[in-house]
Amino acid sequence: MKFNSRIFQQAAVVASALVFSSVASAQWSLDLDNSQLSFVTVKAEHIAEVHSFSRLEGRIDEAGNALISIDLTSVETGIAIRNERMQSMLFETRLYPQATVSAAINTDALSAIVVGEDMTLDTQLTLALHGEESVISAPLRVTRQTDGVRVTTLAPLIITAESVGLVAGVESLREIAGLPSISRAVPVTFSVKFVAD
């Protein structure tokens, strides 16, 4: 039986359009087991340490509005007393238990990515932390996977204590730890995965 290549091509075009349409119109939820957000602190001028948050939630809605919530009580530094101090003295989690990162994602650009490929999006992220908001320009890599979308920072995002109202908290941590200095500029990276609802 002779295969009709034109029919095959038309069917492929229709299938691709349906897939792209579903990507553009889908709502997405963050897959915590496959997502990470880390930051680096530098103390005493030369000692760098990597920390993270273990609880994140997030969504991308049909309009491309993305929101990630960070549970600040889940900060993980590798030392229990330091976790507690960061919660109470730096983030003041009794007053500000969460931070959020929001952005507008271009759904047309997202729908143009086929599985296994990626693209770079220059995005404006709004960070809400400790009662303050700051806007950060962030080049992100977006990768289409068979079961979702992965969004990764292409370079560390530099968050300053001054921009989010944490100067007093940093100074309190420095004093209680007896350190000569703690950097007020913190590199942050993330790699988060969203799966379609």
Protein backbone atom coordinates (compact mmCIF):
# COMPACT_ATOMS: atom_id res chain seq x y z
CA MET A 1 0.00 0.00 0.00
CA LYS A 2 1.47 3.30 -1.12
CA PHE A 3 1.84 5.89 1.65
CA ASN A 4 0.46 9.34 0.88
CA SER A 5 3.20 11.74 2.04
CA ARG A 6 0.99 14.81 1.61
CA ILE A 7 -1.63 13.40 4.00
CA PHE A 8 1.14 12.58 6.48
CA GLN A 9 2.54 16.10 6.29
CA GLN A 10 -0.88 17.65 6.81
CA ALA A 11 -1.54 15.38 9.77
CA ALA A 12 1.82 16.33 11.28
CA VAL A 13 1.04 20.02 10.93
CA VAL A 14 -2.34 19.56 12.62
CA ALA A 15 -0.81 17.49 15.44
CA SER A 16 1.91 20.08 16.02
CA ALA A 17 -0.66 22.87 16.13
CA LEU A 18 -2.70 20.96 18.69
CA VAL A 19 0.36 20.35 20.86
CA PHE A 20 1.48 23.99 20.67
CA SER A 21 -2.07 25.16 21.41
CA SER A 22 -2.27 22.97 24.49
CA VAL A 23 1.07 24.30 25.73
CA ALA A 24 -0.06 27.89 25.31
CA SER A 25 -3.42 27.39 27.01
CA ALA A 26 -2.37 24.99 29.77
CA GLN A 27 -2.03 25.81 33.43
CA TRP A 28 1.13 24.56 35.06
CA SER A 29 2.06 23.63 38.63
CA LEU A 30 5.53 23.54 40.14
CA ASP A 31 6.99 20.06 40.64
CA LEU A 32 8.74 20.40 44.00
CA ASP A 33 10.64 17.10 43.75
CA ASN A 34 12.36 18.37 40.61
CA SER A 35 12.89 22.01 41.60
CA GLN A 36 15.68 23.78 43.48
CA LEU A 37 16.36 27.32 44.68
CA SER A 38 19.74 28.10 46.21
CA PHE A 39 21.66 31.12 47.45
CA VAL A 40 25.23 31.77 48.54
CA THR A 41 26.39 33.83 51.51
CA VAL A 42 29.93 35.04 52.12
CA LYS A 43 31.13 35.65 55.67
CA ALA A 44 34.46 36.87 57.04
CA GLU A 45 35.31 38.07 53.51
CA HIS A 46 36.35 34.68 52.09
CA ILE A 47 34.04 31.93 53.42
CA ALA A 48 31.24 31.10 50.99
CA GLU A 49 28.38 28.77 51.93
CA VAL A 50 25.48 27.41 49.87
CA HIS A 51 21.95 27.40 51.31
CA SER A 52 18.55 26.46 49.92
CA PHE A 53 14.82 26.34 50.57
CA SER A 54 13.10 22.96 50.74
CA ARG A 55 9.49 24.10 50.23
CA LEU A 56 8.39 25.90 47.09
CA GLU A 57 5.01 26.24 45.42
CA GLY A 58 4.25 27.74 42.04
CA ARG A 59 1.92 28.11 39.09
CA ILE A 60 1.80 29.47 35.56
CA ASP A 61 -1.74 30.33 34.51
CA GLU A 62 -3.25 30.37 31.03
CA ALA A 63 -2.32 34.04 30.55
CA GLY A 64 1.33 33.34 31.30
CA ASN A 65 1.35 34.82 34.80
CA ALA A 66 3.95 32.91 36.79
CA LEU A 67 4.18 32.92 40.58
CA ILE A 68 6.53 31.01 42.88
CA SER A 69 6.04 31.10 46.66
CA ILE A 70 9.01 30.36 48.90
CA ASP A 71 8.40 29.10 52.43
CA LEU A 72 11.07 31.01 54.35
CA THR A 73 10.74 28.68 57.34
CA SER A 74 12.17 25.95 55.12
CA VAL A 75 15.58 27.62 54.79
CA GLU A 76 18.30 24.97 54.96
CA THR A 77 21.87 25.98 55.81
CA GLY A 78 23.14 22.64 57.09
CA ILE A 79 23.24 23.91 60.70
CA ALA A 80 20.05 23.83 62.81
CA ILE A 81 20.82 26.89 64.97
CA ARG A 82 21.69 28.90 61.86
CA ASN A 83 18.40 27.89 60.26
CA GLU A 84 16.59 29.20 63.34
CA ARG A 85 18.54 32.44 63.38
CA MET A 86 17.89 33.10 59.71
CA GLN A 87 14.19 32.49 60.25
CA SER A 88 13.84 34.70 63.34
CA MET A 89 16.49 37.36 62.87
CA LEU A 90 16.90 37.75 59.12
CA PHE A 91 13.60 36.85 57.47
CA GLU A 92 11.45 37.45 60.58
CA THR A 93 9.18 34.61 59.51
CA ARG A 94 6.56 35.34 62.19
CA LEU A 95 5.79 38.52 60.27
CA TYR A 96 6.90 37.51 56.78
CA PRO A 97 6.61 33.72 56.39
CA GLN A 98 6.83 33.75 52.61
CA ALA A 99 8.61 35.39 49.72
CA THR A 100 7.22 35.39 46.20
CA VAL A 101 8.71 35.68 42.74
CA SER A 102 6.36 36.67 39.92
CA ALA A 103 6.78 37.21 36.18
CA ALA A 104 4.84 37.41 32.95
CA ILE A 105 5.77 34.56 30.61
CA ASN A 106 5.32 34.92 26.85
CA THR A 107 3.00 31.99 26.12
CA ASP A 108 3.45 32.39 22.36
CA ALA A 109 7.20 31.93 22.79
CA LEU A 110 6.61 29.01 25.12
CA SER A 111 4.31 27.30 22.64
CA ALA A 112 6.96 27.54 19.92
CA ILE A 113 9.39 25.28 21.79
CA VAL A 114 9.31 21.62 20.83
CA VAL A 115 10.21 18.80 23.23
CA GLY A 116 13.95 18.58 23.74
CA GLU A 117 14.65 22.16 22.71
CA ASP A 118 15.07 25.32 24.74
CA MET A 119 15.09 29.06 24.35
CA THR A 120 16.25 32.10 26.28
CA LEU A 121 13.72 34.57 27.64
CA ASP A 122 14.73 37.97 29.00
CA THR A 123 12.32 38.34 31.90
CA GLN A 124 11.52 40.89 34.56
CA LEU A 125 11.08 39.13 37.91
CA THR A 126 9.35 40.84 40.82
CA LEU A 127 10.65 39.68 44.19
CA ALA A 128 8.43 40.35 47.21
CA LEU A 129 10.36 39.74 50.43
CA HIS A 130 10.19 41.15 53.96
CA GLY A 131 7.54 43.70 53.00
CA GLU A 132 9.60 45.08 50.11
CA GLU A 133 9.47 44.57 46.35
CA SER A 134 12.31 44.73 43.86
CA VAL A 135 12.42 44.11 40.11
CA ILE A 136 15.23 41.98 38.71
CA SER A 137 16.19 41.53 35.06
CA ALA A 138 16.76 37.82 34.55
CA PRO A 139 17.78 35.88 31.45
CA LEU A 140 16.14 32.47 31.83
CA ARG A 141 16.49 29.24 29.88
CA VAL A 142 13.16 27.52 29.24
CA THR A 143 13.33 23.88 28.17
CA ARG A 144 10.41 21.78 26.94
CA GLN A 145 10.42 18.27 28.35
CA THR A 146 8.08 15.41 27.58
CA ASP A 147 6.25 15.91 30.86
CA GLY A 148 6.67 19.62 31.50
CA VAL A 149 8.70 22.80 31.26
CA ARG A 150 11.96 23.57 33.08
CA VAL A 151 12.95 27.17 33.84
CA THR A 152 16.56 27.82 34.85
CA THR A 153 18.59 30.94 35.59
CA LEU A 154 21.36 31.45 33.02
CA ALA A 155 23.43 33.38 35.58
CA PRO A 156 23.11 34.02 39.32
CA LEU A 157 20.68 36.76 40.28
CA ILE A 158 22.28 39.23 42.69
CA ILE A 159 19.92 40.22 45.52
CA THR A 160 21.08 42.96 47.85
CA ALA A 161 19.98 43.28 51.47
CA GLU A 162 19.21 46.96 50.86
CA SER A 163 16.71 46.18 48.10
CA VAL A 164 14.57 43.90 50.27
CA GLY A 165 14.84 45.43 53.73
CA LEU A 166 17.25 42.90 55.23
CA VAL A 167 20.17 45.12 56.24
CA ALA A 168 19.26 45.08 59.95
CA GLY A 169 18.80 41.32 59.86
CA VAL A 170 22.18 40.73 58.25
CA GLU A 171 23.81 42.93 60.87
CA SER A 172 22.04 41.04 63.68
CA LEU A 173 23.33 37.73 62.30
CA ARG A 174 26.84 39.13 62.02
CA GLU A 175 26.82 40.33 65.63
CA ILE A 176 25.42 37.15 67.17
CA ALA A 177 27.89 35.00 65.23
CA GLY A 178 30.81 37.26 66.12
CA LEU A 179 31.82 37.72 62.49
CA PRO A 180 33.75 40.65 61.04
CA SER A 181 31.47 40.74 57.99
CA ILE A 182 28.61 39.10 56.10
CA SER A 183 28.13 40.11 52.49
CA ARG A 184 24.97 42.10 51.76
CA ALA A 185 24.91 40.94 48.12
CA VAL A 186 23.71 37.37 47.62
CA PRO A 187 23.82 35.33 44.39
CA VAL A 188 20.62 33.31 43.85
CA THR A 189 20.03 30.53 41.32
CA PHE A 190 17.05 28.33 40.59
CA SER A 191 16.00 25.48 38.35
CA VAL A 192 12.27 24.79 38.60
CA LYS A 193 10.05 22.40 36.72
CA PHE A 194 6.38 22.96 35.91
CA VAL A 195 4.01 20.19 34.85
CA ALA A 196 0.66 20.68 33.16
CA ASP A 197 -2.42 20.34 35.37
